[in-house]
Amino acid sequence: MSKEEIYTIPIIDAFKTDCECPFCHLYESLEKDSIDFVLGPSYMDVDIRHHTNASGFCANHYAKLFNEKNRLGMALILETHMKKVRQDLEAAVMKPYKSKSFHIGKRTVLSPVKDFTEKMVHQCYICDRVEDFLDHYLDTFFYLWKKDTSFRDLFMVSKGFCIRHFGHLYDRGEYVLKDKDFQAFKTNLIAIQQSNFDRVIGDLEWFISKFDYRYEKEPWKQSKDAVSRSIQKISDFKP
């Protein structure tokens, strides 16, 4: 199997999946692989531990790592990460404040400690790893869109995207496509997104109607999971 195929197969498979956003589908797979990677033999790798020591994980991924129940693996990762955090916090406490700007006669002070703590709670090794892979998949998407007419057909019959990944596609398309190609891509992308928003909104409206006694004996149609699909469309979170 060529390197090209290794990168294109996950994208093609995601677009063949019956889902509200192929890139969310890819994210779920990449996230699971990353969790398995972190709690696998990699946590004994010096280079990987260097990165996890520096960035740690977000609260969401701490929870998912904890639920995997590899307590020894988590303990080893946390031990060296916490030592690094303690060392960096001590350094931040010792740094002098710096003036940032003036607002209505009052000086806003930039606190090294606040900077450090904000950075720590927003950094995440798994988030960074997944987003790096997704960034490559975005490039692969446009490679396929330009070269493979059968993939373009998959794109046209897709159920659209969550609002986040719609934005990523729109922004990347404007950057990587020639103007004429981007205009065609943009027209299709917007049409796909709007029609599928309308589809989900219709399912949501029918879900609501089913709580009216006049419709209680009517079939649910496609509306039983309309709430969760609506949340995914507007937030990229899949309940």
C-alpha atoms as a PDB file:
ATOM      1  CA  MET A   1       0.000   0.000   0.000  1.00  0.00           C
ATOM      2  CA  SER A   2       1.421   3.387  -1.010  1.00  0.00           C
ATOM      3  CA  LYS A   3       1.822   6.320   1.353  1.00  0.00           C
ATOM      4  CA  GLU A   4      -0.823   8.126  -0.720  1.00  0.00           C
ATOM      5  CA  GLU A   5      -3.343   5.332  -0.104  1.00  0.00           C
ATOM      6  CA  ILE A   6      -2.580   5.287   3.624  1.00  0.00           C
ATOM      7  CA  TYR A   7      -3.654   8.916   3.844  1.00  0.00           C
ATOM      8  CA  THR A   8      -6.628   8.762   1.455  1.00  0.00           C
ATOM      9  CA  ILE A   9      -8.361   5.623   2.731  1.00  0.00           C
ATOM     10  CA  PRO A  10      -9.475   7.101   6.110  1.00  0.00           C
ATOM     11  CA  ILE A  11     -10.953  10.154   4.342  1.00  0.00           C
ATOM     12  CA  ILE A  12     -12.811   8.060   1.779  1.00  0.00           C
ATOM     13  CA  ASP A  13     -14.082   5.681   4.475  1.00  0.00           C
ATOM     14  CA  ALA A  14     -15.277   8.621   6.599  1.00  0.00           C
ATOM     15  CA  PHE A  15     -17.275  10.026   3.693  1.00  0.00           C
ATOM     16  CA  LYS A  16     -18.821   6.602   3.112  1.00  0.00           C
ATOM     17  CA  THR A  17     -19.979   6.509   6.737  1.00  0.00           C
ATOM     18  CA  ASP A  18     -23.551   7.517   7.524  1.00  0.00           C
ATOM     19  CA  CYS A  19     -22.795  10.431   9.844  1.00  0.00           C
ATOM     20  CA  GLU A  20     -23.487  14.144  10.294  1.00  0.00           C
ATOM     21  CA  CYS A  21     -19.844  15.130   9.829  1.00  0.00           C
ATOM     22  CA  PRO A  22     -17.094  12.966   8.296  1.00  0.00           C
ATOM     23  CA  PHE A  23     -14.421  15.003  10.056  1.00  0.00           C
ATOM     24  CA  CYS A  24     -16.063  14.422  13.436  1.00  0.00           C
ATOM     25  CA  HIS A  25     -16.024  10.727  12.550  1.00  0.00           C
ATOM     26  CA  LEU A  26     -12.303  11.011  11.815  1.00  0.00           C
ATOM     27  CA  TYR A  27     -11.791  12.926  15.063  1.00  0.00           C
ATOM     28  CA  GLU A  28     -13.402  10.144  17.111  1.00  0.00           C
ATOM     29  CA  SER A  29     -11.150   7.537  15.504  1.00  0.00           C
ATOM     30  CA  LEU A  30      -8.017   9.658  15.921  1.00  0.00           C
ATOM     31  CA  GLU A  31      -8.902  10.454  19.525  1.00  0.00           C
ATOM     32  CA  LYS A  32      -9.340   6.767  20.397  1.00  0.00           C
ATOM     33  CA  ASP A  33      -6.062   5.907  18.661  1.00  0.00           C
ATOM     34  CA  SER A  34      -4.298   8.717  20.553  1.00  0.00           C
ATOM     35  CA  ILE A  35      -5.634   7.560  23.925  1.00  0.00           C
ATOM     36  CA  ASP A  36      -4.469   4.012  23.157  1.00  0.00           C
ATOM     37  CA  PHE A  37      -1.113   5.408  22.053  1.00  0.00           C
ATOM     38  CA  VAL A  38      -0.622   7.465  25.218  1.00  0.00           C
ATOM     39  CA  LEU A  39      -1.453   4.564  27.519  1.00  0.00           C
ATOM     40  CA  GLY A  40       0.449   2.027  25.434  1.00  0.00           C
ATOM     41  CA  PRO A  41       4.219   1.480  25.412  1.00  0.00           C
ATOM     42  CA  SER A  42       4.723   5.079  24.270  1.00  0.00           C
ATOM     43  CA  TYR A  43       4.545   6.412  27.820  1.00  0.00           C
ATOM     44  CA  MET A  44       7.951   4.821  28.415  1.00  0.00           C
ATOM     45  CA  ASP A  45       9.375   6.612  25.359  1.00  0.00           C
ATOM     46  CA  VAL A  46      11.606   9.509  26.414  1.00  0.00           C
ATOM     47  CA  ASP A  47      10.564  11.793  23.549  1.00  0.00           C
ATOM     48  CA  ILE A  48       6.831  11.209  24.091  1.00  0.00           C
ATOM     49  CA  ARG A  49       7.174  11.706  27.839  1.00  0.00           C
ATOM     50  CA  HIS A  50       8.986  14.980  27.168  1.00  0.00           C
ATOM     51  CA  HIS A  51       5.916  16.241  25.292  1.00  0.00           C
ATOM     52  CA  THR A  52       3.359  14.975  27.824  1.00  0.00           C
ATOM     53  CA  ASN A  53       5.431  16.460  30.653  1.00  0.00           C
ATOM     54  CA  ALA A  54       5.326  19.860  28.975  1.00  0.00           C
ATOM     55  CA  SER A  55       1.692  19.993  27.859  1.00  0.00           C
ATOM     56  CA  GLY A  56      -0.283  17.499  29.923  1.00  0.00           C
ATOM     57  CA  PHE A  57      -3.920  17.034  28.893  1.00  0.00           C
ATOM     58  CA  CYS A  58      -7.193  18.946  28.915  1.00  0.00           C
ATOM     59  CA  ALA A  59      -9.868  18.020  31.467  1.00  0.00           C
ATOM     60  CA  ASN A  60     -11.847  16.119  28.834  1.00  0.00           C
ATOM     61  CA  HIS A  61      -8.906  13.907  27.929  1.00  0.00           C
ATOM     62  CA  TYR A  62      -7.814  13.420  31.527  1.00  0.00           C
ATOM     63  CA  ALA A  63     -11.296  11.996  32.113  1.00  0.00           C
ATOM     64  CA  LYS A  64     -11.055   9.699  29.087  1.00  0.00           C
ATOM     65  CA  LEU A  65      -7.564   8.533  30.015  1.00  0.00           C
ATOM     66  CA  PHE A  66      -8.704   7.878  33.581  1.00  0.00           C
ATOM     67  CA  ASN A  67     -11.672   5.846  32.364  1.00  0.00           C
ATOM     68  CA  GLU A  68      -9.315   3.516  30.503  1.00  0.00           C
ATOM     69  CA  LYS A  69      -8.289   2.268  33.978  1.00  0.00           C
ATOM     70  CA  ASN A  70      -4.566   1.950  33.264  1.00  0.00           C
ATOM     71  CA  ARG A  71      -3.697   3.399  36.671  1.00  0.00           C
ATOM     72  CA  LEU A  72       0.000   2.533  36.496  1.00  0.00           C
ATOM     73  CA  GLY A  73       0.378   4.191  33.108  1.00  0.00           C
ATOM     74  CA  MET A  74      -1.446   7.293  34.330  1.00  0.00           C
ATOM     75  CA  ALA A  75       0.632   7.380  37.520  1.00  0.00           C
ATOM     76  CA  LEU A  76       3.904   7.278  35.573  1.00  0.00           C
ATOM     77  CA  ILE A  77       2.750  10.022  33.201  1.00  0.00           C
ATOM     78  CA  LEU A  78       1.401  12.182  36.021  1.00  0.00           C
ATOM     79  CA  GLU A  79       4.459  11.804  38.224  1.00  0.00           C
ATOM     80  CA  THR A  80       6.877  13.408  35.779  1.00  0.00           C
ATOM     81  CA  HIS A  81       4.274  15.871  34.453  1.00  0.00           C
ATOM     82  CA  MET A  82       3.470  17.165  37.938  1.00  0.00           C
ATOM     83  CA  LYS A  83       7.171  17.584  38.722  1.00  0.00           C
ATOM     84  CA  LYS A  84       7.527  19.638  35.527  1.00  0.00           C
ATOM     85  CA  VAL A  85       4.443  21.729  36.412  1.00  0.00           C
ATOM     86  CA  ARG A  86       5.772  22.368  39.931  1.00  0.00           C
ATOM     87  CA  GLN A  87       9.123  23.480  38.524  1.00  0.00           C
ATOM     88  CA  ASP A  88       7.526  25.778  35.938  1.00  0.00           C
ATOM     89  CA  LEU A  89       5.066  27.206  38.475  1.00  0.00           C
ATOM     90  CA  GLU A  90       7.928  28.073  40.811  1.00  0.00           C
ATOM     91  CA  ALA A  91       9.643  29.892  37.938  1.00  0.00           C
ATOM     92  CA  ALA A  92       6.425  31.767  37.075  1.00  0.00           C
ATOM     93  CA  VAL A  93       5.954  32.894  40.680  1.00  0.00           C
ATOM     94  CA  MET A  94       9.442  34.404  40.666  1.00  0.00           C
ATOM     95  CA  LYS A  95       8.920  36.395  37.451  1.00  0.00           C
ATOM     96  CA  PRO A  96       8.110  40.131  37.730  1.00  0.00           C
ATOM     97  CA  TYR A  97       4.801  41.482  36.450  1.00  0.00           C
ATOM     98  CA  LYS A  98       4.843  43.246  33.097  1.00  0.00           C
ATOM     99  CA  SER A  99       2.691  46.189  32.029  1.00  0.00           C
ATOM    100  CA  LYS A 100       0.447  45.143  29.176  1.00  0.00           C
ATOM    101  CA  SER A 101      -1.701  48.139  28.297  1.00  0.00           C
ATOM    102  CA  PHE A 102      -3.686  51.086  29.626  1.00  0.00           C
ATOM    103  CA  HIS A 103      -7.480  51.180  29.838  1.00  0.00           C
ATOM    104  CA  ILE A 104      -9.343  54.300  30.976  1.00  0.00           C
ATOM    105  CA  GLY A 105      -6.481  55.461  33.139  1.00  0.00           C
ATOM    106  CA  LYS A 106      -5.886  52.037  34.681  1.00  0.00           C
ATOM    107  CA  ARG A 107      -2.896  49.887  33.870  1.00  0.00           C
ATOM    108  CA  THR A 108      -3.601  46.272  33.032  1.00  0.00           C
ATOM    109  CA  VAL A 109      -0.935  44.051  34.514  1.00  0.00           C
ATOM    110  CA  LEU A 110       0.108  40.795  32.858  1.00  0.00           C
ATOM    111  CA  SER A 111       0.633  38.206  35.583  1.00  0.00           C
ATOM    112  CA  PRO A 112       3.206  35.481  34.792  1.00  0.00           C
ATOM    113  CA  VAL A 113       1.344  33.147  37.147  1.00  0.00           C
ATOM    114  CA  LYS A 114      -2.017  33.746  35.434  1.00  0.00           C
ATOM    115  CA  ASP A 115      -0.352  33.316  32.057  1.00  0.00           C
ATOM    116  CA  PHE A 116       1.170  30.031  33.169  1.00  0.00           C
ATOM    117  CA  THR A 117      -2.001  28.607  34.719  1.00  0.00           C
ATOM    118  CA  GLU A 118      -4.146  29.589  31.726  1.00  0.00           C
ATOM    119  CA  LYS A 119      -1.645  27.962  29.409  1.00  0.00           C
ATOM    120  CA  MET A 120      -1.604  24.771  31.468  1.00  0.00           C
ATOM    121  CA  VAL A 121      -5.373  24.273  31.551  1.00  0.00           C
ATOM    122  CA  HIS A 122      -5.706  24.815  27.795  1.00  0.00           C
ATOM    123  CA  GLN A 123      -2.770  22.686  26.636  1.00  0.00           C
ATOM    124  CA  CYS A 124      -3.342  19.057  25.715  1.00  0.00           C
ATOM    125  CA  TYR A 125      -1.046  16.526  24.091  1.00  0.00           C
ATOM    126  CA  ILE A 126      -3.979  14.516  22.701  1.00  0.00           C
ATOM    127  CA  CYS A 127      -5.807  17.568  21.325  1.00  0.00           C
ATOM    128  CA  ASP A 128      -2.608  18.708  19.595  1.00  0.00           C
ATOM    129  CA  ARG A 129      -1.913  15.254  18.192  1.00  0.00           C
ATOM    130  CA  VAL A 130      -5.442  14.807  16.843  1.00  0.00           C
ATOM    131  CA  GLU A 131      -5.577  18.312  15.345  1.00  0.00           C
ATOM    132  CA  ASP A 132      -2.237  17.712  13.627  1.00  0.00           C
ATOM    133  CA  PHE A 133      -3.605  14.571  11.965  1.00  0.00           C
ATOM    134  CA  LEU A 134      -6.854  16.348  11.045  1.00  0.00           C
ATOM    135  CA  ASP A 135      -4.860  19.144   9.452  1.00  0.00           C
ATOM    136  CA  HIS A 136      -3.180  16.584   7.197  1.00  0.00           C
ATOM    137  CA  TYR A 137      -6.583  15.061   6.415  1.00  0.00           C
ATOM    138  CA  LEU A 138      -7.875  18.456   5.322  1.00  0.00           C
ATOM    139  CA  ASP A 139      -5.036  18.642   2.811  1.00  0.00           C
ATOM    140  CA  THR A 140      -5.856  15.092   1.705  1.00  0.00           C
ATOM    141  CA  PHE A 141      -9.520  16.046   1.305  1.00  0.00           C
ATOM    142  CA  PHE A 142      -8.617  18.774  -1.185  1.00  0.00           C
ATOM    143  CA  TYR A 143      -6.158  16.510  -2.961  1.00  0.00           C
ATOM    144  CA  LEU A 144      -8.994  14.014  -3.502  1.00  0.00           C
ATOM    145  CA  TRP A 145     -11.503  16.739  -4.392  1.00  0.00           C
ATOM    146  CA  LYS A 146      -9.201  17.967  -7.165  1.00  0.00           C
ATOM    147  CA  LYS A 147      -8.052  14.563  -8.471  1.00  0.00           C
ATOM    148  CA  ASP A 148     -10.822  12.017  -7.833  1.00  0.00           C
ATOM    149  CA  THR A 149     -14.281  12.526  -9.380  1.00  0.00           C
ATOM    150  CA  SER A 150     -15.697   9.566  -7.452  1.00  0.00           C
ATOM    151  CA  PHE A 151     -14.672  11.250  -4.184  1.00  0.00           C
ATOM    152  CA  ARG A 152     -16.286  14.466  -5.360  1.00  0.00           C
ATOM    153  CA  ASP A 153     -19.501  12.457  -5.798  1.00  0.00           C
ATOM    154  CA  LEU A 154     -19.186  11.225  -2.180  1.00  0.00           C
ATOM    155  CA  PHE A 155     -18.770  14.815  -1.055  1.00  0.00           C
ATOM    156  CA  MET A 156     -21.888  15.898  -2.950  1.00  0.00           C
ATOM    157  CA  VAL A 157     -24.129  13.256  -1.330  1.00  0.00           C
ATOM    158  CA  SER A 158     -22.690  13.694   2.191  1.00  0.00           C
ATOM    159  CA  LYS A 159     -24.809  14.903   5.103  1.00  0.00           C
ATOM    160  CA  GLY A 160     -22.716  18.041   5.500  1.00  0.00           C
ATOM    161  CA  PHE A 161     -20.523  18.954   8.432  1.00  0.00           C
ATOM    162  CA  CYS A 162     -20.531  20.327  11.938  1.00  0.00           C
ATOM    163  CA  ILE A 163     -20.195  24.104  11.920  1.00  0.00           C
ATOM    164  CA  ARG A 164     -16.552  23.920  13.041  1.00  0.00           C
ATOM    165  CA  HIS A 165     -15.386  21.617  10.263  1.00  0.00           C
ATOM    166  CA  PHE A 166     -17.516  23.470   7.718  1.00  0.00           C
ATOM    167  CA  GLY A 167     -15.497  26.556   8.641  1.00  0.00           C
ATOM    168  CA  HIS A 168     -12.221  24.649   8.310  1.00  0.00           C
ATOM    169  CA  LEU A 169     -13.152  23.419   4.835  1.00  0.00           C
ATOM    170  CA  TYR A 170     -14.277  26.862   3.701  1.00  0.00           C
ATOM    171  CA  ASP A 171     -11.132  28.539   5.011  1.00  0.00           C
ATOM    172  CA  ARG A 172      -8.703  25.901   3.702  1.00  0.00           C
ATOM    173  CA  GLY A 173     -10.449  25.790   0.328  1.00  0.00           C
ATOM    174  CA  GLU A 174     -10.016  29.520  -0.139  1.00  0.00           C
ATOM    175  CA  TYR A 175      -6.310  29.083   0.598  1.00  0.00           C
ATOM    176  CA  VAL A 176      -5.433  25.961  -1.435  1.00  0.00           C
ATOM    177  CA  LEU A 177      -7.754  26.181  -4.460  1.00  0.00           C
ATOM    178  CA  LYS A 178      -7.495  28.418  -7.475  1.00  0.00           C
ATOM    179  CA  ASP A 179     -10.183  31.088  -7.528  1.00  0.00           C
ATOM    180  CA  LYS A 180     -12.345  29.359 -10.159  1.00  0.00           C
ATOM    181  CA  ASP A 181     -12.111  26.020  -8.344  1.00  0.00           C
ATOM    182  CA  PHE A 182     -12.837  27.649  -5.000  1.00  0.00           C
ATOM    183  CA  GLN A 183     -15.977  29.328  -6.343  1.00  0.00           C
ATOM    184  CA  ALA A 184     -17.280  25.956  -7.521  1.00  0.00           C
ATOM    185  CA  PHE A 185     -16.282  24.258  -4.264  1.00  0.00           C
ATOM    186  CA  LYS A 186     -17.793  27.036  -2.151  1.00  0.00           C
ATOM    187  CA  THR A 187     -21.104  26.889  -4.023  1.00  0.00           C
ATOM    188  CA  ASN A 188     -21.361  23.137  -3.468  1.00  0.00           C
ATOM    189  CA  LEU A 189     -20.175  23.284   0.143  1.00  0.00           C
ATOM    190  CA  ILE A 190     -22.719  25.940   1.115  1.00  0.00           C
ATOM    191  CA  ALA A 191     -25.556  24.147  -0.692  1.00  0.00           C
ATOM    192  CA  ILE A 192     -24.698  20.840   1.040  1.00  0.00           C
ATOM    193  CA  GLN A 193     -24.460  22.517   4.434  1.00  0.00           C
ATOM    194  CA  GLN A 194     -27.702  24.462   4.139  1.00  0.00           C
ATOM    195  CA  SER A 195     -29.751  21.542   2.814  1.00  0.00           C
ATOM    196  CA  ASN A 196     -28.515  19.295   5.611  1.00  0.00           C
ATOM    197  CA  PHE A 197     -29.136  21.939   8.251  1.00  0.00           C
ATOM    198  CA  ASP A 198     -32.690  22.094   6.900  1.00  0.00           C
ATOM    199  CA  ARG A 199     -32.921  18.297   7.112  1.00  0.00           C
ATOM    200  CA  VAL A 200     -31.833  18.231  10.761  1.00  0.00           C
ATOM    201  CA  ILE A 201     -34.081  21.192  11.613  1.00  0.00           C
ATOM    202  CA  GLY A 202     -36.994  19.295  10.037  1.00  0.00           C
ATOM    203  CA  ASP A 203     -36.196  16.241  12.173  1.00  0.00           C
ATOM    204  CA  LEU A 204     -35.997  18.464  15.248  1.00  0.00           C
ATOM    205  CA  GLU A 205     -39.371  20.040  14.463  1.00  0.00           C
ATOM    206  CA  TRP A 206     -40.941  16.590  14.081  1.00  0.00           C
ATOM    207  CA  PHE A 207     -39.337  15.435  17.344  1.00  0.00           C
ATOM    208  CA  ILE A 208     -41.007  18.394  19.083  1.00  0.00           C
ATOM    209  CA  SER A 209     -44.330  17.663  17.353  1.00  0.00           C
ATOM    210  CA  LYS A 210     -44.293  14.109  18.704  1.00  0.00           C
ATOM    211  CA  PHE A 211     -44.841  15.539  22.198  1.00  0.00           C
ATOM    212  CA  ASP A 212     -48.127  17.008  21.014  1.00  0.00           C
ATOM    213  CA  TYR A 213     -50.987  14.567  21.671  1.00  0.00           C
ATOM    214  CA  ARG A 214     -52.236  15.100  18.126  1.00  0.00           C
ATOM    215  CA  TYR A 215     -49.129  13.387  16.748  1.00  0.00           C
ATOM    216  CA  GLU A 216     -48.443  10.785  19.424  1.00  0.00           C
ATOM    217  CA  LYS A 217     -49.569   7.904  17.184  1.00  0.00           C
ATOM    218  CA  GLU A 218     -47.577   9.110  14.204  1.00  0.00           C
ATOM    219  CA  PRO A 219     -44.223   7.448  13.398  1.00  0.00           C
ATOM    220  CA  TRP A 220     -41.038   9.046  14.707  1.00  0.00           C
ATOM    221  CA  LYS A 221     -39.541   8.995  11.189  1.00  0.00           C
ATOM    222  CA  GLN A 222     -35.861  10.051  11.498  1.00  0.00           C
ATOM    223  CA  SER A 223     -36.352  12.253  14.547  1.00  0.00           C
ATOM    224  CA  LYS A 224     -35.535  10.056  17.557  1.00  0.00           C
ATOM    225  CA  ASP A 225     -31.908  11.230  17.688  1.00  0.00           C
ATOM    226  CA  ALA A 226     -32.603  14.712  16.308  1.00  0.00           C
ATOM    227  CA  VAL A 227     -31.452  16.461  19.505  1.00  0.00           C
ATOM    228  CA  SER A 228     -28.030  14.807  19.546  1.00  0.00           C
ATOM    229  CA  ARG A 229     -27.546  15.334  15.813  1.00  0.00           C
ATOM    230  CA  SER A 230     -28.520  18.997  16.149  1.00  0.00           C
ATOM    231  CA  ILE A 231     -25.958  19.480  18.918  1.00  0.00           C
ATOM    232  CA  GLN A 232     -23.261  17.895  16.762  1.00  0.00           C
ATOM    233  CA  LYS A 233     -24.121  20.101  13.795  1.00  0.00           C
ATOM    234  CA  ILE A 234     -23.764  23.326  15.761  1.00  0.00           C
ATOM    235  CA  SER A 235     -20.978  22.433  18.189  1.00  0.00           C
ATOM    236  CA  ASP A 236     -18.934  19.436  16.878  1.00  0.00           C
ATOM    237  CA  PHE A 237     -19.820  17.630  20.144  1.00  0.00           C
ATOM    238  CA  LYS A 238     -21.496  14.280  19.611  1.00  0.00           C
ATOM    239  CA  PRO A 239     -23.604  13.350  22.672  1.00  0.00           C
END
